[in-house]
């Protein structure tokens, strides 16, 4: 090998496609927003309702971050010919590039 990078372009493309599929499956299986309404006051104690709403908002935020991350990573995988898996919409590509460039992990307990 002599320090050369060994790669399989079909595998790289396949992995990019898998990341997009994961993002798609996550989006299709998104949390049901009506679930949290079942725990609202007066159906449950107001303290419980407040905590359920807080958790629902946090879970949705984390979910949106995960979908954006998978999509952004997929667009950045390079094929052997230096082609990128591309996104047709310039605004979407710019958003995904921003996620990767400027995004940072914030632990749940810090939110």
C-alpha atoms as a PDB file:
ATOM      1  CA  UNK A   1       0.000   0.000   0.000  1.00  0.00           C
ATOM      2  CA  UNK A   2       2.874   2.440   0.702  1.00  0.00           C
ATOM      3  CA  UNK A   3       0.572   4.893   2.487  1.00  0.00           C
ATOM      4  CA  UNK A   4      -1.902   5.027  -0.403  1.00  0.00           C
ATOM      5  CA  UNK A   5      -5.563   5.414   0.380  1.00  0.00           C
ATOM      6  CA  UNK A   6      -7.574   2.374  -0.614  1.00  0.00           C
ATOM      7  CA  UNK A   7     -11.221   3.013  -1.412  1.00  0.00           C
ATOM      8  CA  UNK A   8     -14.205   1.467  -3.064  1.00  0.00           C
ATOM      9  CA  UNK A   9     -16.293   4.092  -4.857  1.00  0.00           C
ATOM     10  CA  UNK A  10     -19.346   1.826  -5.001  1.00  0.00           C
ATOM     11  CA  UNK A  11     -19.166   1.413  -1.234  1.00  0.00           C
ATOM     12  CA  UNK A  12     -18.796   5.167  -0.675  1.00  0.00           C
ATOM     13  CA  UNK A  13     -21.783   5.884  -2.911  1.00  0.00           C
ATOM     14  CA  UNK A  14     -23.744   3.132  -1.209  1.00  0.00           C
ATOM     15  CA  UNK A  15     -22.995   4.581   2.216  1.00  0.00           C
ATOM     16  CA  UNK A  16     -24.066   8.040   1.105  1.00  0.00           C
ATOM     17  CA  UNK A  17     -27.307   6.539  -0.160  1.00  0.00           C
ATOM     18  CA  UNK A  18     -27.797   4.709   3.125  1.00  0.00           C
ATOM     19  CA  UNK A  19     -27.377   7.941   5.090  1.00  0.00           C
ATOM     20  CA  UNK A  20     -30.027   9.599   2.916  1.00  0.00           C
ATOM     21  CA  UNK A  21     -32.312   6.588   3.417  1.00  0.00           C
ATOM     22  CA  UNK A  22     -31.831   6.789   7.190  1.00  0.00           C
ATOM     23  CA  UNK A  23     -32.719  10.495   7.112  1.00  0.00           C
ATOM     24  CA  UNK A  24     -35.796   9.661   5.027  1.00  0.00           C
ATOM     25  CA  UNK A  25     -36.905   6.867   7.367  1.00  0.00           C
ATOM     26  CA  UNK A  26     -36.429   9.133  10.373  1.00  0.00           C
ATOM     27  CA  UNK A  27     -38.481  11.842   8.687  1.00  0.00           C
ATOM     28  CA  UNK A  28     -41.270   9.403   7.786  1.00  0.00           C
ATOM     29  CA  UNK A  29     -41.287   8.024  11.336  1.00  0.00           C
ATOM     30  CA  UNK A  30     -41.302  11.455  12.949  1.00  0.00           C
ATOM     31  CA  UNK A  31     -42.850  11.699  16.396  1.00  0.00           C
ATOM     32  CA  UNK A  32     -46.586  12.242  16.528  1.00  0.00           C
ATOM     33  CA  UNK A  33     -47.196  15.765  17.778  1.00  0.00           C
ATOM     34  CA  UNK A  34     -50.627  14.826  19.114  1.00  0.00           C
ATOM     35  CA  UNK A  35     -49.195  12.404  21.666  1.00  0.00           C
ATOM     36  CA  UNK A  36     -48.196  15.243  23.964  1.00  0.00           C
ATOM     37  CA  UNK A  37     -51.669  16.782  23.802  1.00  0.00           C
ATOM     38  CA  UNK A  38     -53.055  13.723  25.593  1.00  0.00           C
ATOM     39  CA  UNK A  39     -51.140  14.731  28.708  1.00  0.00           C
ATOM     40  CA  UNK A  40     -52.360  18.332  28.814  1.00  0.00           C
ATOM     41  CA  UNK A  41     -54.221  19.866  31.671  1.00  0.00           C
ATOM     42  CA  UNK A  42     -56.964  18.837  32.733  1.00  0.00           C
ATOM     43  CA  UNK A  43     -56.230  15.256  31.618  1.00  0.00           C
ATOM     44  CA  UNK A  44     -53.156  15.225  33.811  1.00  0.00           C
ATOM     45  CA  UNK A  45     -51.729  17.317  36.616  1.00  0.00           C
ATOM     46  CA  UNK A  46     -50.378  20.665  35.421  1.00  0.00           C
ATOM     47  CA  UNK A  47     -46.822  19.781  36.564  1.00  0.00           C
ATOM     48  CA  UNK A  48     -46.953  16.549  34.563  1.00  0.00           C
ATOM     49  CA  UNK A  49     -48.368  18.400  31.546  1.00  0.00           C
ATOM     50  CA  UNK A  50     -45.553  20.954  31.705  1.00  0.00           C
ATOM     51  CA  UNK A  51     -42.881  18.245  31.859  1.00  0.00           C
ATOM     52  CA  UNK A  52     -44.446  16.286  28.993  1.00  0.00           C
ATOM     53  CA  UNK A  53     -44.496  19.438  26.858  1.00  0.00           C
ATOM     54  CA  UNK A  54     -40.879  20.188  27.781  1.00  0.00           C
ATOM     55  CA  UNK A  55     -39.827  16.653  26.862  1.00  0.00           C
ATOM     56  CA  UNK A  56     -41.805  16.775  23.604  1.00  0.00           C
ATOM     57  CA  UNK A  57     -40.104  19.995  22.529  1.00  0.00           C
ATOM     58  CA  UNK A  58     -36.681  18.600  23.425  1.00  0.00           C
ATOM     59  CA  UNK A  59     -37.332  15.308  21.605  1.00  0.00           C
ATOM     60  CA  UNK A  60     -38.490  17.148  18.489  1.00  0.00           C
ATOM     61  CA  UNK A  61     -35.372  19.345  18.564  1.00  0.00           C
ATOM     62  CA  UNK A  62     -33.102  16.297  18.852  1.00  0.00           C
ATOM     63  CA  UNK A  63     -35.029  14.504  16.114  1.00  0.00           C
ATOM     64  CA  UNK A  64     -34.704  17.456  13.710  1.00  0.00           C
ATOM     65  CA  UNK A  65     -30.965  17.646  14.460  1.00  0.00           C
ATOM     66  CA  UNK A  66     -30.498  13.939  13.706  1.00  0.00           C
ATOM     67  CA  UNK A  67     -32.321  14.146  10.366  1.00  0.00           C
ATOM     68  CA  UNK A  68     -30.311  17.221   9.325  1.00  0.00           C
ATOM     69  CA  UNK A  69     -27.036  15.581  10.378  1.00  0.00           C
ATOM     70  CA  UNK A  70     -27.633  12.396   8.376  1.00  0.00           C
ATOM     71  CA  UNK A  71     -28.613  14.400   5.301  1.00  0.00           C
ATOM     72  CA  UNK A  72     -25.625  16.734   5.671  1.00  0.00           C
ATOM     73  CA  UNK A  73     -23.170  13.857   6.087  1.00  0.00           C
ATOM     74  CA  UNK A  74     -24.548  12.118   3.002  1.00  0.00           C
ATOM     75  CA  UNK A  75     -23.936  15.197   0.862  1.00  0.00           C
ATOM     76  CA  UNK A  76     -20.299  15.329   1.987  1.00  0.00           C
ATOM     77  CA  UNK A  77     -19.254  11.774   1.119  1.00  0.00           C
ATOM     78  CA  UNK A  78     -16.952  11.882  -1.856  1.00  0.00           C
ATOM     79  CA  UNK A  79     -16.929   9.348  -4.624  1.00  0.00           C
ATOM     80  CA  UNK A  80     -13.659   8.079  -6.061  1.00  0.00           C
ATOM     81  CA  UNK A  81     -13.971  10.514  -8.983  1.00  0.00           C
ATOM     82  CA  UNK A  82     -14.250  13.456  -6.543  1.00  0.00           C
ATOM     83  CA  UNK A  83     -17.929  13.873  -7.326  1.00  0.00           C
ATOM     84  CA  UNK A  84     -20.217  14.701  -4.449  1.00  0.00           C
ATOM     85  CA  UNK A  85     -23.564  13.220  -3.736  1.00  0.00           C
ATOM     86  CA  UNK A  86     -25.438  16.370  -4.597  1.00  0.00           C
ATOM     87  CA  UNK A  87     -28.529  18.178  -3.497  1.00  0.00           C
ATOM     88  CA  UNK A  88     -30.450  19.884  -6.290  1.00  0.00           C
ATOM     89  CA  UNK A  89     -31.730  22.801  -4.243  1.00  0.00           C
ATOM     90  CA  UNK A  90     -29.048  25.437  -3.503  1.00  0.00           C
ATOM     91  CA  UNK A  91     -30.780  26.547  -0.285  1.00  0.00           C
ATOM     92  CA  UNK A  92     -30.886  22.979   1.028  1.00  0.00           C
ATOM     93  CA  UNK A  93     -27.212  22.430   0.165  1.00  0.00           C
ATOM     94  CA  UNK A  94     -26.231  25.689   1.880  1.00  0.00           C
ATOM     95  CA  UNK A  95     -28.235  24.710   4.969  1.00  0.00           C
ATOM     96  CA  UNK A  96     -26.604  21.280   5.135  1.00  0.00           C
ATOM     97  CA  UNK A  97     -23.130  22.783   4.635  1.00  0.00           C
ATOM     98  CA  UNK A  98     -23.864  25.197   7.495  1.00  0.00           C
ATOM     99  CA  UNK A  99     -24.922  22.297   9.752  1.00  0.00           C
ATOM    100  CA  UNK A 100     -21.600  20.571   9.165  1.00  0.00           C
ATOM    101  CA  UNK A 101     -19.439  23.701   9.278  1.00  0.00           C
ATOM    102  CA  UNK A 102     -21.013  25.590  12.184  1.00  0.00           C
ATOM    103  CA  UNK A 103     -22.977  22.955  14.086  1.00  0.00           C
ATOM    104  CA  UNK A 104     -21.929  21.940  17.554  1.00  0.00           C
ATOM    105  CA  UNK A 105     -23.121  19.307  19.959  1.00  0.00           C
ATOM    106  CA  UNK A 106     -24.933  20.568  23.035  1.00  0.00           C
ATOM    107  CA  UNK A 107     -25.568  17.880  25.634  1.00  0.00           C
ATOM    108  CA  UNK A 108     -29.233  17.483  26.648  1.00  0.00           C
ATOM    109  CA  UNK A 109     -28.549  18.558  30.213  1.00  0.00           C
ATOM    110  CA  UNK A 110     -27.146  21.875  28.941  1.00  0.00           C
ATOM    111  CA  UNK A 111     -30.335  22.855  27.103  1.00  0.00           C
END
